[in-house]
C-alpha cells in the first residue's frame, strides 16, 4: 500500500451486520482504519466524531437509502463506493450519476472490493496531493482540477457531479480528438466499460446539458458511429 493510502479512514455503511462486519474485518487486515454504521443516522454520528476518506455505502437500506445518503455526502464529502445487490445497468447509472466514485454489485469477491477501494483512494489522493496542479482553460471556461470547480465565460460556477467532472476533465485533456465510449470509460476509470455504453451516453448528455446552460452549446459533439469529440482548443494555466 502506498503512503497516500496507508491508514486511510473507511466507513462501511450497511444494515446487514454480517456483510458490514466482514467488509470491516477484511479491509482492516489490509491496513485501513475501518468503522461500521448500520444506516444514515449512525453514519452521521461516526462522521461527526471523525471524518472518513471513503464511505463504502450499501444502496438498499431501510429508512434512508444509499442514493439519498450519497446525495448528502457529495460533492464536498468523502469518496463513495456504492454496493448493491441490484446489478442492473440502470441502478449503476443512477449511483454514478448522483456522484458515487465507483459501484460494485453484490455478491463480490473481496479482492475486487479491495482493488476498487484502492483505486478510488488513489484517484482522490492524487487530486488532493497535486496542490500546484493545472487549471484547464477553453473557450472562456475554467476547469480547476484541484478546487474541482468549473466556471463559464461569465464567471459563474457550474455544479457538476463527480462523474460529470471527471468526464469533462477527460474531454479537456484530449481536445479535438474523437473518443469512443470504451475510451471514455477507461480514461474516466469506470469499471465494466463494455456494459456501460448507455451510462456513457447518459453522462455525456447530462454534462452537455449543463454546459449548454452555461453557454457552451458546441463544446462536445457527437461523431456518429465513433463517439464524442471536444471541439475547442485547451491550454493549461
C-alpha atoms as a PDB file:
ATOM      1  CA  UNK A   1       0.000   0.000   0.000  1.00  0.00           C
ATOM      2  CA  UNK A   2       1.443   3.398  -0.912  1.00  0.00           C
ATOM      3  CA  UNK A   3       1.806   6.287   1.505  1.00  0.00           C
ATOM      4  CA  UNK A   4      -1.284   8.083   0.187  1.00  0.00           C
ATOM      5  CA  UNK A   5      -3.492   5.137   1.164  1.00  0.00           C
ATOM      6  CA  UNK A   6      -1.756   3.907   4.313  1.00  0.00           C
ATOM      7  CA  UNK A   7      -4.101   4.315   7.259  1.00  0.00           C
ATOM      8  CA  UNK A   8      -6.920   5.728   5.124  1.00  0.00           C
ATOM      9  CA  UNK A   9     -10.170   6.055   7.071  1.00  0.00           C
ATOM     10  CA  UNK A  10     -13.052   3.988   5.719  1.00  0.00           C
ATOM     11  CA  UNK A  11     -16.641   3.939   6.955  1.00  0.00           C
ATOM     12  CA  UNK A  12     -18.750   0.929   5.916  1.00  0.00           C
ATOM     13  CA  UNK A  13     -22.477   1.740   5.909  1.00  0.00           C
ATOM     14  CA  UNK A  14     -24.658  -1.366   5.567  1.00  0.00           C
ATOM     15  CA  UNK A  15     -27.690  -2.533   7.536  1.00  0.00           C
ATOM     16  CA  UNK A  16     -26.634  -6.182   7.115  1.00  0.00           C
ATOM     17  CA  UNK A  17     -24.358  -6.773  10.118  1.00  0.00           C
ATOM     18  CA  UNK A  18     -22.735  -9.891   8.638  1.00  0.00           C
ATOM     19  CA  UNK A  19     -21.684  -8.090   5.456  1.00  0.00           C
ATOM     20  CA  UNK A  20     -20.690  -4.936   7.327  1.00  0.00           C
ATOM     21  CA  UNK A  21     -18.521  -6.825   9.801  1.00  0.00           C
ATOM     22  CA  UNK A  22     -16.921  -8.961   7.082  1.00  0.00           C
ATOM     23  CA  UNK A  23     -16.021  -5.917   4.979  1.00  0.00           C
ATOM     24  CA  UNK A  24     -14.659  -4.064   8.012  1.00  0.00           C
ATOM     25  CA  UNK A  25     -12.561  -7.044   9.044  1.00  0.00           C
ATOM     26  CA  UNK A  26     -11.192  -7.653   5.539  1.00  0.00           C
ATOM     27  CA  UNK A  27     -10.270  -4.029   4.839  1.00  0.00           C
ATOM     28  CA  UNK A  28      -8.828  -3.691   8.339  1.00  0.00           C
ATOM     29  CA  UNK A  29      -6.470  -6.585   7.638  1.00  0.00           C
ATOM     30  CA  UNK A  30      -5.134  -4.626   4.662  1.00  0.00           C
ATOM     31  CA  UNK A  31      -4.041  -1.607   6.649  1.00  0.00           C
ATOM     32  CA  UNK A  32      -7.125   0.621   6.567  1.00  0.00           C
ATOM     33  CA  UNK A  33      -8.743   2.245   9.590  1.00  0.00           C
ATOM     34  CA  UNK A  34     -12.280   0.929   9.301  1.00  0.00           C
ATOM     35  CA  UNK A  35     -15.504   1.651  11.182  1.00  0.00           C
ATOM     36  CA  UNK A  36     -19.049   0.460  10.588  1.00  0.00           C
ATOM     37  CA  UNK A  37     -22.503   2.033  10.646  1.00  0.00           C
ATOM     38  CA  UNK A  38     -25.906   0.404  10.170  1.00  0.00           C
ATOM     39  CA  UNK A  39     -27.556   3.353   8.405  1.00  0.00           C
ATOM     40  CA  UNK A  40     -27.580   7.053   7.675  1.00  0.00           C
ATOM     41  CA  UNK A  41     -28.087   8.242  11.241  1.00  0.00           C
ATOM     42  CA  UNK A  42     -25.248   6.108  12.580  1.00  0.00           C
ATOM     43  CA  UNK A  43     -23.064   7.261   9.669  1.00  0.00           C
ATOM     44  CA  UNK A  44     -23.696  10.903  10.566  1.00  0.00           C
ATOM     45  CA  UNK A  45     -22.615  10.243  14.152  1.00  0.00           C
ATOM     46  CA  UNK A  46     -19.436   8.464  13.042  1.00  0.00           C
ATOM     47  CA  UNK A  47     -18.524  11.241  10.605  1.00  0.00           C
ATOM     48  CA  UNK A  48     -19.176  13.910  13.230  1.00  0.00           C
ATOM     49  CA  UNK A  49     -16.740  12.133  15.540  1.00  0.00           C
ATOM     50  CA  UNK A  50     -14.096  11.555  12.853  1.00  0.00           C
ATOM     51  CA  UNK A  51     -14.091  12.288   9.112  1.00  0.00           C
ATOM     52  CA  UNK A  52     -13.671   9.474   6.588  1.00  0.00           C
ATOM     53  CA  UNK A  53     -11.667   9.321   3.378  1.00  0.00           C
ATOM     54  CA  UNK A  54     -14.050   6.800   1.826  1.00  0.00           C
ATOM     55  CA  UNK A  55     -17.585   5.604   2.560  1.00  0.00           C
ATOM     56  CA  UNK A  56     -18.466   2.091   1.381  1.00  0.00           C
ATOM     57  CA  UNK A  57     -22.216   2.561   1.055  1.00  0.00           C
ATOM     58  CA  UNK A  58     -24.978  -0.012   0.590  1.00  0.00           C
ATOM     59  CA  UNK A  59     -27.710   1.093  -1.794  1.00  0.00           C
ATOM     60  CA  UNK A  60     -30.739  -0.733  -0.411  1.00  0.00           C
ATOM     61  CA  UNK A  61     -31.294   0.003   3.286  1.00  0.00           C
ATOM     62  CA  UNK A  62     -34.426   0.592   5.363  1.00  0.00           C
ATOM     63  CA  UNK A  63     -35.159   4.209   6.174  1.00  0.00           C
ATOM     64  CA  UNK A  64     -32.812   6.489   4.246  1.00  0.00           C
ATOM     65  CA  UNK A  65     -31.412   4.587   1.276  1.00  0.00           C
ATOM     66  CA  UNK A  66     -27.941   4.792  -0.201  1.00  0.00           C
ATOM     67  CA  UNK A  67     -28.932   7.147  -3.014  1.00  0.00           C
ATOM     68  CA  UNK A  68     -30.243   9.732  -0.570  1.00  0.00           C
ATOM     69  CA  UNK A  69     -27.160   9.375   1.611  1.00  0.00           C
ATOM     70  CA  UNK A  70     -24.852   9.736  -1.396  1.00  0.00           C
ATOM     71  CA  UNK A  71     -26.601  12.939  -2.446  1.00  0.00           C
ATOM     72  CA  UNK A  72     -26.000  14.353   1.029  1.00  0.00           C
ATOM     73  CA  UNK A  73     -22.332  13.407   1.016  1.00  0.00           C
ATOM     74  CA  UNK A  74     -21.480  14.846  -2.399  1.00  0.00           C
ATOM     75  CA  UNK A  75     -19.750  16.859  -3.695  1.00  0.00           C
ATOM     76  CA  UNK A  76     -17.637  18.001  -0.744  1.00  0.00           C
ATOM     77  CA  UNK A  77     -17.727  14.874   1.387  1.00  0.00           C
ATOM     78  CA  UNK A  78     -15.659  11.686   1.330  1.00  0.00           C
ATOM     79  CA  UNK A  79     -15.317   9.455  -1.697  1.00  0.00           C
ATOM     80  CA  UNK A  80     -18.179   6.986  -2.106  1.00  0.00           C
ATOM     81  CA  UNK A  81     -18.018   3.365  -3.246  1.00  0.00           C
ATOM     82  CA  UNK A  82     -21.590   2.134  -3.626  1.00  0.00           C
ATOM     83  CA  UNK A  83     -22.615  -1.501  -3.079  1.00  0.00           C
ATOM     84  CA  UNK A  84     -25.869  -3.095  -4.202  1.00  0.00           C
ATOM     85  CA  UNK A  85     -27.406  -6.479  -4.838  1.00  0.00           C
ATOM     86  CA  UNK A  86     -29.147  -4.783  -7.752  1.00  0.00           C
ATOM     87  CA  UNK A  87     -26.783  -5.239 -10.675  1.00  0.00           C
ATOM     88  CA  UNK A  88     -28.823  -3.782 -13.495  1.00  0.00           C
ATOM     89  CA  UNK A  89     -27.209  -1.075 -15.618  1.00  0.00           C
ATOM     90  CA  UNK A  90     -29.958   1.409 -14.689  1.00  0.00           C
ATOM     91  CA  UNK A  91     -29.155   1.100 -10.997  1.00  0.00           C
ATOM     92  CA  UNK A  92     -25.460   1.548 -11.637  1.00  0.00           C
ATOM     93  CA  UNK A  93     -26.105   4.586 -13.809  1.00  0.00           C
ATOM     94  CA  UNK A  94     -28.168   6.226 -11.083  1.00  0.00           C
ATOM     95  CA  UNK A  95     -25.480   5.605  -8.478  1.00  0.00           C
ATOM     96  CA  UNK A  96     -22.728   7.049 -10.646  1.00  0.00           C
ATOM     97  CA  UNK A  97     -24.858   9.955 -11.804  1.00  0.00           C
ATOM     98  CA  UNK A  98     -25.538  11.215  -8.291  1.00  0.00           C
ATOM     99  CA  UNK A  99     -21.822  11.347  -7.590  1.00  0.00           C
ATOM    100  CA  UNK A 100     -20.630   7.923  -6.425  1.00  0.00           C
ATOM    101  CA  UNK A 101     -16.970   7.396  -7.308  1.00  0.00           C
ATOM    102  CA  UNK A 102     -17.471   3.721  -8.114  1.00  0.00           C
ATOM    103  CA  UNK A 103     -20.127   0.984  -7.979  1.00  0.00           C
ATOM    104  CA  UNK A 104     -19.780  -2.686  -7.081  1.00  0.00           C
ATOM    105  CA  UNK A 105     -22.592  -5.228  -7.400  1.00  0.00           C
ATOM    106  CA  UNK A 106     -23.180  -7.887  -4.739  1.00  0.00           C
ATOM    107  CA  UNK A 107     -22.079 -10.581  -4.405  1.00  0.00           C
ATOM    108  CA  UNK A 108     -18.473  -9.532  -4.953  1.00  0.00           C
ATOM    109  CA  UNK A 109     -15.057 -11.038  -4.438  1.00  0.00           C
ATOM    110  CA  UNK A 110     -13.210  -9.453  -1.502  1.00  0.00           C
ATOM    111  CA  UNK A 111     -10.183  -8.912  -3.714  1.00  0.00           C
ATOM    112  CA  UNK A 112     -12.273  -6.929  -6.183  1.00  0.00           C
ATOM    113  CA  UNK A 113     -13.628  -4.784  -3.362  1.00  0.00           C
ATOM    114  CA  UNK A 114     -10.065  -4.147  -2.175  1.00  0.00           C
ATOM    115  CA  UNK A 115      -8.966  -3.212  -5.702  1.00  0.00           C
ATOM    116  CA  UNK A 116     -11.881  -0.801  -6.103  1.00  0.00           C
ATOM    117  CA  UNK A 117     -11.224   0.783  -2.702  1.00  0.00           C
ATOM    118  CA  UNK A 118      -7.568   1.301  -3.543  1.00  0.00           C
ATOM    119  CA  UNK A 119      -8.396   2.736  -6.977  1.00  0.00           C
ATOM    120  CA  UNK A 120     -10.874   5.265  -5.556  1.00  0.00           C
ATOM    121  CA  UNK A 121      -8.447   6.340  -2.823  1.00  0.00           C
ATOM    122  CA  UNK A 122      -5.616   6.575  -5.335  1.00  0.00           C
ATOM    123  CA  UNK A 123      -7.634   8.903  -7.555  1.00  0.00           C
ATOM    124  CA  UNK A 124      -8.766  11.039  -4.633  1.00  0.00           C
ATOM    125  CA  UNK A 125      -5.256  11.174  -3.164  1.00  0.00           C
ATOM    126  CA  UNK A 126      -3.686  12.143  -6.474  1.00  0.00           C
ATOM    127  CA  UNK A 127      -6.092  15.055  -6.862  1.00  0.00           C
ATOM    128  CA  UNK A 128      -5.520  16.314  -3.332  1.00  0.00           C
ATOM    129  CA  UNK A 129      -1.738  15.899  -3.462  1.00  0.00           C
ATOM    130  CA  UNK A 130      -1.358  17.964  -6.627  1.00  0.00           C
ATOM    131  CA  UNK A 131      -1.642  21.312  -4.841  1.00  0.00           C
ATOM    132  CA  UNK A 132       0.111  23.052  -7.744  1.00  0.00           C
ATOM    133  CA  UNK A 133      -1.816  21.164 -10.382  1.00  0.00           C
ATOM    134  CA  UNK A 134      -3.127  22.653 -13.574  1.00  0.00           C
ATOM    135  CA  UNK A 135      -6.126  24.712 -14.441  1.00  0.00           C
ATOM    136  CA  UNK A 136      -7.526  23.985 -17.899  1.00  0.00           C
ATOM    137  CA  UNK A 137      -8.829  26.906 -19.958  1.00  0.00           C
ATOM    138  CA  UNK A 138     -11.002  26.580 -23.059  1.00  0.00           C
ATOM    139  CA  UNK A 139     -13.342  28.946 -24.907  1.00  0.00           C
ATOM    140  CA  UNK A 140     -13.557  31.239 -21.871  1.00  0.00           C
ATOM    141  CA  UNK A 141     -14.234  28.347 -19.490  1.00  0.00           C
ATOM    142  CA  UNK A 142     -12.062  27.467 -16.498  1.00  0.00           C
ATOM    143  CA  UNK A 143     -11.664  23.920 -15.148  1.00  0.00           C
ATOM    144  CA  UNK A 144      -9.877  23.886 -11.792  1.00  0.00           C
ATOM    145  CA  UNK A 145      -8.639  20.331 -11.240  1.00  0.00           C
ATOM    146  CA  UNK A 146      -7.663  20.988  -7.635  1.00  0.00           C
ATOM    147  CA  UNK A 147     -10.581  23.059  -6.456  1.00  0.00           C
ATOM    148  CA  UNK A 148     -12.829  20.822  -8.599  1.00  0.00           C
ATOM    149  CA  UNK A 149     -14.668  23.858  -9.884  1.00  0.00           C
ATOM    150  CA  UNK A 150     -15.945  24.704 -13.351  1.00  0.00           C
ATOM    151  CA  UNK A 151     -16.745  28.293 -14.287  1.00  0.00           C
ATOM    152  CA  UNK A 152     -18.286  29.503 -17.532  1.00  0.00           C
ATOM    153  CA  UNK A 153     -17.147  32.561 -19.546  1.00  0.00           C
ATOM    154  CA  UNK A 154     -19.403  34.761 -17.387  1.00  0.00           C
ATOM    155  CA  UNK A 155     -17.539  33.636 -14.277  1.00  0.00           C
ATOM    156  CA  UNK A 156     -20.454  31.586 -12.971  1.00  0.00           C
ATOM    157  CA  UNK A 157     -19.776  28.264 -11.261  1.00  0.00           C
ATOM    158  CA  UNK A 158     -21.403  25.223 -12.894  1.00  0.00           C
ATOM    159  CA  UNK A 159     -22.439  22.439 -10.493  1.00  0.00           C
ATOM    160  CA  UNK A 160     -21.294  19.013 -11.725  1.00  0.00           C
ATOM    161  CA  UNK A 161     -21.478  15.591 -10.126  1.00  0.00           C
ATOM    162  CA  UNK A 162     -18.231  13.740  -9.508  1.00  0.00           C
ATOM    163  CA  UNK A 163     -18.736  11.639 -12.625  1.00  0.00           C
ATOM    164  CA  UNK A 164     -19.526  14.655 -14.793  1.00  0.00           C
ATOM    165  CA  UNK A 165     -16.436  16.488 -13.556  1.00  0.00           C
ATOM    166  CA  UNK A 166     -14.164  13.540 -14.368  1.00  0.00           C
ATOM    167  CA  UNK A 167     -15.768  13.181 -17.799  1.00  0.00           C
ATOM    168  CA  UNK A 168     -15.241  16.874 -18.577  1.00  0.00           C
ATOM    169  CA  UNK A 169     -11.635  16.563 -17.446  1.00  0.00           C
ATOM    170  CA  UNK A 170     -11.118  13.635 -19.827  1.00  0.00           C
ATOM    171  CA  UNK A 171     -12.561  15.627 -22.726  1.00  0.00           C
ATOM    172  CA  UNK A 172     -10.495  18.715 -21.880  1.00  0.00           C
ATOM    173  CA  UNK A 173      -7.305  16.674 -21.634  1.00  0.00           C
ATOM    174  CA  UNK A 174      -7.942  15.172 -25.088  1.00  0.00           C
ATOM    175  CA  UNK A 175      -9.256  18.111 -27.134  1.00  0.00           C
ATOM    176  CA  UNK A 176     -10.304  17.779 -30.779  1.00  0.00           C
ATOM    177  CA  UNK A 177      -9.889  14.014 -30.624  1.00  0.00           C
ATOM    178  CA  UNK A 178     -12.679  11.504 -31.191  1.00  0.00           C
ATOM    179  CA  UNK A 179     -13.099   9.332 -28.102  1.00  0.00           C
ATOM    180  CA  UNK A 180     -15.147   6.141 -28.190  1.00  0.00           C
ATOM    181  CA  UNK A 181     -17.416   5.110 -25.337  1.00  0.00           C
ATOM    182  CA  UNK A 182     -14.933   2.482 -24.204  1.00  0.00           C
ATOM    183  CA  UNK A 183     -12.102   5.007 -24.249  1.00  0.00           C
ATOM    184  CA  UNK A 184     -14.146   7.427 -22.177  1.00  0.00           C
ATOM    185  CA  UNK A 185     -14.955   4.738 -19.638  1.00  0.00           C
ATOM    186  CA  UNK A 186     -11.315   3.662 -19.440  1.00  0.00           C
ATOM    187  CA  UNK A 187      -9.946   7.199 -19.147  1.00  0.00           C
ATOM    188  CA  UNK A 188     -12.556   8.072 -16.543  1.00  0.00           C
ATOM    189  CA  UNK A 189     -11.539   4.898 -14.706  1.00  0.00           C
ATOM    190  CA  UNK A 190     -15.034   3.484 -14.515  1.00  0.00           C
ATOM    191  CA  UNK A 191     -15.496  -0.304 -14.327  1.00  0.00           C
ATOM    192  CA  UNK A 192     -17.072  -2.673 -16.858  1.00  0.00           C
ATOM    193  CA  UNK A 193     -16.764  -0.382 -19.873  1.00  0.00           C
ATOM    194  CA  UNK A 194     -18.361  -2.864 -22.278  1.00  0.00           C
ATOM    195  CA  UNK A 195     -21.647  -2.872 -20.337  1.00  0.00           C
ATOM    196  CA  UNK A 196     -21.749   0.857 -19.775  1.00  0.00           C
ATOM    197  CA  UNK A 197     -22.447   2.279 -23.246  1.00  0.00           C
ATOM    198  CA  UNK A 198     -25.781   3.631 -22.034  1.00  0.00           C
ATOM    199  CA  UNK A 199     -24.153   5.091 -18.929  1.00  0.00           C
ATOM    200  CA  UNK A 200     -21.612   6.976 -21.056  1.00  0.00           C
ATOM    201  CA  UNK A 201     -24.328   8.355 -23.325  1.00  0.00           C
ATOM    202  CA  UNK A 202     -26.338   9.482 -20.312  1.00  0.00           C
ATOM    203  CA  UNK A 203     -23.309  11.066 -18.644  1.00  0.00           C
ATOM    204  CA  UNK A 204     -22.397  12.930 -21.827  1.00  0.00           C
ATOM    205  CA  UNK A 205     -25.996  14.063 -22.315  1.00  0.00           C
ATOM    206  CA  UNK A 206     -26.237  15.470 -18.800  1.00  0.00           C
ATOM    207  CA  UNK A 207     -22.810  17.079 -18.970  1.00  0.00           C
ATOM    208  CA  UNK A 208     -23.631  18.647 -22.330  1.00  0.00           C
ATOM    209  CA  UNK A 209     -26.915  19.997 -20.986  1.00  0.00           C
ATOM    210  CA  UNK A 210     -25.157  21.675 -18.050  1.00  0.00           C
ATOM    211  CA  UNK A 211     -22.502  23.133 -20.347  1.00  0.00           C
ATOM    212  CA  UNK A 212     -25.234  24.331 -22.723  1.00  0.00           C
ATOM    213  CA  UNK A 213     -26.935  26.153 -19.861  1.00  0.00           C
ATOM    214  CA  UNK A 214     -23.668  27.977 -19.253  1.00  0.00           C
ATOM    215  CA  UNK A 215     -23.223  28.982 -22.870  1.00  0.00           C
ATOM    216  CA  UNK A 216     -21.111  26.024 -24.013  1.00  0.00           C
ATOM    217  CA  UNK A 217     -23.524  24.576 -26.549  1.00  0.00           C
ATOM    218  CA  UNK A 218     -20.886  23.393 -29.007  1.00  0.00           C
ATOM    219  CA  UNK A 219     -18.151  22.109 -26.684  1.00  0.00           C
ATOM    220  CA  UNK A 220     -18.981  18.407 -27.122  1.00  0.00           C
ATOM    221  CA  UNK A 221     -20.096  16.994 -30.439  1.00  0.00           C
ATOM    222  CA  UNK A 222     -21.332  13.538 -31.331  1.00  0.00           C
ATOM    223  CA  UNK A 223     -19.386  11.744 -34.049  1.00  0.00           C
ATOM    224  CA  UNK A 224     -21.866   9.244 -35.437  1.00  0.00           C
ATOM    225  CA  UNK A 225     -20.748   5.642 -35.082  1.00  0.00           C
ATOM    226  CA  UNK A 226     -17.482   6.607 -33.391  1.00  0.00           C
ATOM    227  CA  UNK A 227     -18.042   8.507 -30.144  1.00  0.00           C
ATOM    228  CA  UNK A 228     -17.633  12.091 -28.982  1.00  0.00           C
ATOM    229  CA  UNK A 229     -15.213  14.963 -29.557  1.00  0.00           C
ATOM    230  CA  UNK A 230     -14.309  18.034 -27.501  1.00  0.00           C
ATOM    231  CA  UNK A 231     -14.352  20.710 -30.166  1.00  0.00           C
ATOM    232  CA  UNK A 232     -12.181  23.528 -28.790  1.00  0.00           C
ATOM    233  CA  UNK A 233      -8.525  24.103 -28.031  1.00  0.00           C
ATOM    234  CA  UNK A 234      -7.395  23.780 -24.414  1.00  0.00           C
ATOM    235  CA  UNK A 235      -4.458  25.360 -22.628  1.00  0.00           C
ATOM    236  CA  UNK A 236      -3.081  24.901 -19.144  1.00  0.00           C
ATOM    237  CA  UNK A 237      -2.729  27.806 -16.707  1.00  0.00           C
END
